Structures are given as structure tokens and as C-alpha cells.
Amino acid sequence: MLNLFVENFVIVFVAIDPIGLLPIFATFTQGLSKSDIFKLTLRSSTTAFIVLLLFWVLGSAILDFMGINIHSFRIIGGLFLLIIAYQMVFEQRQEKRQDTVEKAMSDEALTSLATFPLAIPFIAGPGAITIVMLLSEKGNSTLQEQVIGFSPVVVVIALTALSLWLSSKLVNLLPLSAIGILQRTFGLLLGALSVEFVIQGIRQAFSI
């Protein structure tokens, strides 16, 4: 059972990559108050947990019922990420965030941001959803093995929530110019990643 936990933890950790998400999260928490960051962290991690749990339990059934596959998630997720990357590179998101310095973000806006893009597709992205669905079908399906098999997902989401919370500290330690450089750099990287999502989705969907 320990081997199952360790193996699943490593796979899920690599798929979600909470450490790699930290500088990306930093661009989303700039200008937010501690209470807003706490709400954002709680809501995004809870949403991601629910999404991954649903796909762990009902993933195959949901996709079969709707007549779609995971490659469609990869393609549409990549396209959405491409839009976000464009906004990051040209500082359109930065301009919107400046408003939060003077007034707290509304609950509706926080919920929207926590759901997309933080929970989906940053945390519970196509890769994480795919991994979760594959792990849920691996080996025997006893209740004990299912619980132990899914527990690494819970641990990694908790680490990702910690990464999101610590990203605010990173923002406070860096000057605005450094944040701007980070934003553009990771915007370019995010754009490349989004293109990879689309290419992989197209290749796998059409067996290219």
C-alpha cells in the first residue's frame, strides 16, 4: 500500500507541479489583500479537489456519456491558456489587477478567478485529469486501494494551495519591475505550453 501511495504521489506531483506554479500564481495575487488571497487559495484548491475527485470516480462514465475524450480537454484548455498568456505578455491582466490595490475584489470576481484559470486548468488541468483517470483504473478497485490511491491527490492539492499562499510573499519581496519581467517571461512560457497542449491534443485525437 505504501508503494501505491508513493508511486501515485510522484506521478500526481509531476502532473500538477505546485513548485512550478508558484511564480505563475505570483502574477495573480499581486495587489490582493491577505483575506482575498486566503479566499482565492481556499476556493481554487477546493474546486480543483472536487474536479479531480469527480474524474477519479466518474471520469470515464462522464466522457463516454457526453461522447467526448480527454484530448478535447487538452485542446480547449490550451486555447484558453493561450489567451491568458497573451494578456500576461502585454500586461492586460496587470492593468486589471491594479484596481484591486484600491478596493477589495468582489466575491464574484474571486470565485471566477479561483475557478478559471487557477483551479482549471492550472491545478486540475488536462494532464492532471488524465493522470487521475488512469490511476483510478489501475490495479484492483477495492475501497481501501481507491482511498490510498487517491490520497496523494489530496496531499499534492494541499501543497499547491501552500504554493499559492506563499506566492503572495514572493510578490511582496520583489519590485514591480521584477514582477513585470516574471509576468512576461512566464506569459511566453505559458504560451508555449498552451501550444503544446493544442498540438498534443490534435495529434492524439487524429492519431497523427
Protein backbone atom coordinates (compact mmCIF):
# COMPACT_ATOMS: atom_id res chain seq x y z
CA MET A 1 0.00 0.00 0.00
CA LEU A 2 2.90 2.33 0.76
CA ASN A 3 4.31 1.68 -2.69
CA LEU A 4 0.94 2.61 -4.21
CA PHE A 5 0.87 5.89 -2.27
CA VAL A 6 4.46 6.84 -3.15
CA GLU A 7 4.08 5.92 -6.81
CA ASN A 8 0.83 7.86 -7.20
CA PHE A 9 2.23 10.84 -5.25
CA VAL A 10 5.22 11.18 -7.56
CA ILE A 11 3.06 10.93 -10.69
CA VAL A 12 0.44 13.43 -9.46
CA PHE A 13 3.09 15.83 -8.12
CA VAL A 14 4.80 15.93 -11.50
CA ALA A 15 1.46 16.37 -13.30
CA ILE A 16 0.32 19.33 -11.16
CA ASP A 17 3.80 20.71 -10.34
CA PRO A 18 2.98 23.02 -7.39
CA ILE A 19 6.56 24.35 -7.29
CA GLY A 20 6.50 25.30 -10.94
CA LEU A 21 3.14 27.03 -10.46
CA LEU A 22 4.43 29.31 -7.69
CA PRO A 23 5.80 32.12 -9.94
CA ILE A 24 2.70 31.89 -12.12
CA PHE A 25 0.49 32.24 -9.06
CA ALA A 26 2.52 35.28 -8.04
CA THR A 27 1.21 37.25 -11.01
CA PHE A 28 -2.38 36.53 -9.96
CA THR A 29 -2.01 37.52 -6.30
CA GLN A 30 -0.35 40.89 -6.82
CA GLY A 31 -2.40 43.68 -5.25
CA LEU A 32 -4.74 41.35 -3.36
CA SER A 33 -5.25 41.58 0.39
CA LYS A 34 -4.43 38.67 2.71
CA SER A 35 -8.10 37.86 3.12
CA ASP A 36 -8.62 37.84 -0.66
CA ILE A 37 -5.59 35.59 -1.13
CA PHE A 38 -6.93 33.23 1.55
CA LYS A 39 -10.32 33.09 -0.19
CA LEU A 40 -8.63 32.58 -3.55
CA THR A 41 -6.45 29.79 -2.15
CA LEU A 42 -9.35 28.04 -0.42
CA ARG A 43 -11.74 28.27 -3.36
CA SER A 44 -9.25 27.29 -6.06
CA SER A 45 -7.92 24.30 -4.12
CA THR A 46 -11.42 23.16 -3.16
CA THR A 47 -12.63 23.46 -6.76
CA ALA A 48 -9.61 21.55 -8.06
CA PHE A 49 -10.15 18.85 -5.44
CA ILE A 50 -13.81 18.43 -6.42
CA VAL A 51 -12.97 18.29 -10.14
CA LEU A 52 -10.24 15.68 -9.68
CA LEU A 53 -12.40 13.65 -7.30
CA LEU A 54 -15.24 13.63 -9.83
CA PHE A 55 -12.92 12.47 -12.60
CA TRP A 56 -11.42 9.85 -10.26
CA VAL A 57 -14.85 8.41 -9.54
CA LEU A 58 -16.86 9.20 -12.67
CA GLY A 59 -14.32 10.29 -15.28
CA SER A 60 -14.75 7.53 -17.82
CA ALA A 61 -18.52 7.48 -17.41
CA ILE A 62 -18.80 11.26 -17.86
CA LEU A 63 -16.71 11.33 -21.02
CA ASP A 64 -18.46 8.31 -22.51
CA PHE A 65 -21.87 9.76 -21.69
CA MET A 66 -21.04 13.08 -23.34
CA GLY A 67 -19.31 11.45 -26.29
CA ILE A 68 -16.03 13.31 -25.80
CA ASN A 69 -12.49 12.37 -24.82
CA ILE A 70 -9.65 13.86 -22.83
CA HIS A 71 -7.97 15.15 -25.99
CA SER A 72 -10.80 17.69 -26.37
CA PHE A 73 -10.00 18.97 -22.86
CA ARG A 74 -6.36 19.29 -23.83
CA ILE A 75 -7.17 21.31 -26.97
CA ILE A 76 -9.68 23.71 -25.40
CA GLY A 77 -7.54 24.10 -22.29
CA GLY A 78 -4.58 25.02 -24.47
CA LEU A 79 -6.61 27.62 -26.37
CA PHE A 80 -7.82 29.25 -23.14
CA LEU A 81 -4.28 29.27 -21.75
CA LEU A 82 -3.06 30.93 -24.96
CA ILE A 83 -5.45 33.84 -24.35
CA ILE A 84 -4.19 34.19 -20.77
CA ALA A 85 -0.57 34.07 -21.96
CA TYR A 86 -1.27 36.89 -24.43
CA GLN A 87 -2.75 39.02 -21.65
CA MET A 88 0.24 38.31 -19.39
CA VAL A 89 2.81 39.26 -22.03
CA PHE A 90 1.06 42.53 -22.92
CA GLU A 91 0.22 43.35 -19.27
CA GLN A 92 -3.53 43.42 -19.81
CA ARG A 93 -4.01 41.34 -16.67
CA GLN A 94 -1.66 43.64 -14.76
CA GLU A 95 -3.82 46.65 -15.55
CA LYS A 96 -6.92 44.86 -14.28
CA ARG A 97 -5.13 43.88 -11.07
CA GLN A 98 -4.13 47.45 -10.25
CA ASP A 99 -7.76 48.13 -9.36
CA THR A 100 -7.53 45.63 -6.51
CA VAL A 101 -4.89 47.75 -4.79
CA GLU A 102 -7.52 50.43 -4.08
CA LYS A 103 -10.51 48.17 -3.39
CA ALA A 104 -11.06 44.58 -2.44
CA MET A 105 -12.01 42.18 -5.18
CA SER A 106 -15.66 41.15 -5.11
CA ASP A 107 -16.62 37.62 -4.09
CA GLU A 108 -17.97 37.02 -7.58
CA ALA A 109 -14.68 38.04 -9.19
CA LEU A 110 -12.67 35.95 -6.71
CA THR A 111 -14.85 32.93 -7.38
CA SER A 112 -14.43 33.40 -11.12
CA LEU A 113 -10.64 33.72 -10.86
CA ALA A 114 -10.42 30.78 -8.44
CA THR A 115 -12.37 28.58 -10.84
CA PHE A 116 -10.64 29.69 -14.06
CA PRO A 117 -7.76 29.72 -14.60
CA LEU A 118 -6.40 28.79 -11.15
CA ALA A 119 -8.39 25.64 -10.38
CA ILE A 120 -8.93 24.81 -14.05
CA PRO A 121 -6.63 24.42 -15.92
CA PHE A 122 -3.62 25.37 -13.75
CA ILE A 123 -4.23 22.86 -10.93
CA ALA A 124 -6.78 20.45 -12.38
CA GLY A 125 -5.57 20.70 -15.95
CA PRO A 126 -5.78 18.18 -18.80
CA GLY A 127 -2.61 16.44 -17.62
CA ALA A 128 -3.79 16.10 -14.03
CA ILE A 129 -7.26 14.95 -15.13
CA THR A 130 -5.75 12.37 -17.46
CA ILE A 131 -3.39 11.07 -14.76
CA VAL A 132 -6.21 10.87 -12.21
CA MET A 133 -8.43 8.92 -14.59
CA LEU A 134 -5.63 6.48 -15.43
CA LEU A 135 -4.65 5.96 -11.79
CA SER A 136 -8.25 5.34 -10.76
CA GLU A 137 -8.45 2.44 -13.20
CA LYS A 138 -5.05 0.98 -12.32
CA GLY A 139 -4.89 -2.23 -10.31
CA ASN A 140 -7.69 -3.61 -8.16
CA SER A 141 -10.64 -1.45 -7.23
CA THR A 142 -11.17 -2.25 -3.56
CA LEU A 143 -12.31 0.66 -1.40
CA GLN A 144 -9.07 0.65 0.59
CA GLU A 145 -6.92 0.79 -2.53
CA GLN A 146 -9.08 3.53 -4.02
CA VAL A 147 -8.72 5.66 -0.87
CA ILE A 148 -4.96 5.11 -0.67
CA GLY A 149 -4.61 5.67 -4.40
CA PHE A 150 -6.47 9.00 -4.27
CA SER A 151 -4.85 10.31 -1.06
CA PRO A 152 -1.73 11.57 -2.93
CA VAL A 153 -4.04 13.83 -4.94
CA VAL A 154 -5.24 15.40 -1.69
CA VAL A 155 -1.66 15.89 -0.46
CA VAL A 156 -0.50 17.48 -3.74
CA ILE A 157 -3.51 19.84 -3.82
CA ALA A 158 -2.66 20.89 -0.24
CA LEU A 159 0.93 21.59 -1.36
CA THR A 160 -0.41 23.55 -4.33
CA ALA A 161 -2.60 25.62 -2.01
CA LEU A 162 0.51 26.35 0.06
CA SER A 163 2.31 27.36 -3.13
CA LEU A 164 -0.49 29.78 -3.99
CA TRP A 165 -0.41 31.28 -0.50
CA LEU A 166 3.40 31.68 -0.49
CA SER A 167 3.30 33.31 -3.91
CA SER A 168 1.90 36.43 -2.25
CA LYS A 169 5.05 36.60 -0.09
CA LEU A 170 7.15 36.36 -3.24
CA VAL A 171 5.23 39.28 -4.74
CA ASN A 172 5.86 41.43 -1.66
CA LEU A 173 9.60 40.74 -1.80
CA LEU A 174 10.01 41.64 -5.46
CA PRO A 175 9.84 45.13 -7.02
CA LEU A 176 7.19 45.90 -9.64
CA SER A 177 9.78 45.77 -12.42
CA ALA A 178 10.75 42.23 -11.43
CA ILE A 179 7.09 41.22 -11.34
CA GLY A 180 6.69 42.65 -14.83
CA ILE A 181 9.65 40.62 -16.08
CA LEU A 182 8.27 37.50 -14.40
CA GLN A 183 4.86 38.12 -15.90
CA ARG A 184 6.17 38.46 -19.46
CA THR A 185 8.60 35.56 -19.10
CA PHE A 186 6.02 33.15 -17.76
CA GLY A 187 3.50 34.50 -20.22
CA LEU A 188 5.80 33.37 -23.02
CA LEU A 189 6.38 30.02 -21.33
CA LEU A 190 2.67 29.64 -20.74
CA GLY A 191 2.03 30.43 -24.38
CA ALA A 192 4.48 27.72 -25.44
CA LEU A 193 2.87 25.29 -23.01
CA SER A 194 -0.59 26.11 -24.35
CA VAL A 195 0.55 25.46 -27.92
CA GLU A 196 1.97 22.11 -26.77
CA PHE A 197 -1.41 21.24 -25.23
CA VAL A 198 -3.16 22.00 -28.50
CA ILE A 199 -0.61 20.11 -30.62
CA GLN A 200 -0.71 17.05 -28.36
CA GLY A 201 -4.48 17.11 -28.29
CA ILE A 202 -4.70 17.29 -32.09
CA ARG A 203 -2.08 14.58 -32.56
CA GLN A 204 -3.78 12.20 -30.16
CA ALA A 205 -7.28 12.99 -31.38
CA PHE A 206 -6.39 12.36 -35.02
CA SER A 207 -3.63 9.76 -34.40
CA ILE A 208 -1.07 11.88 -36.23
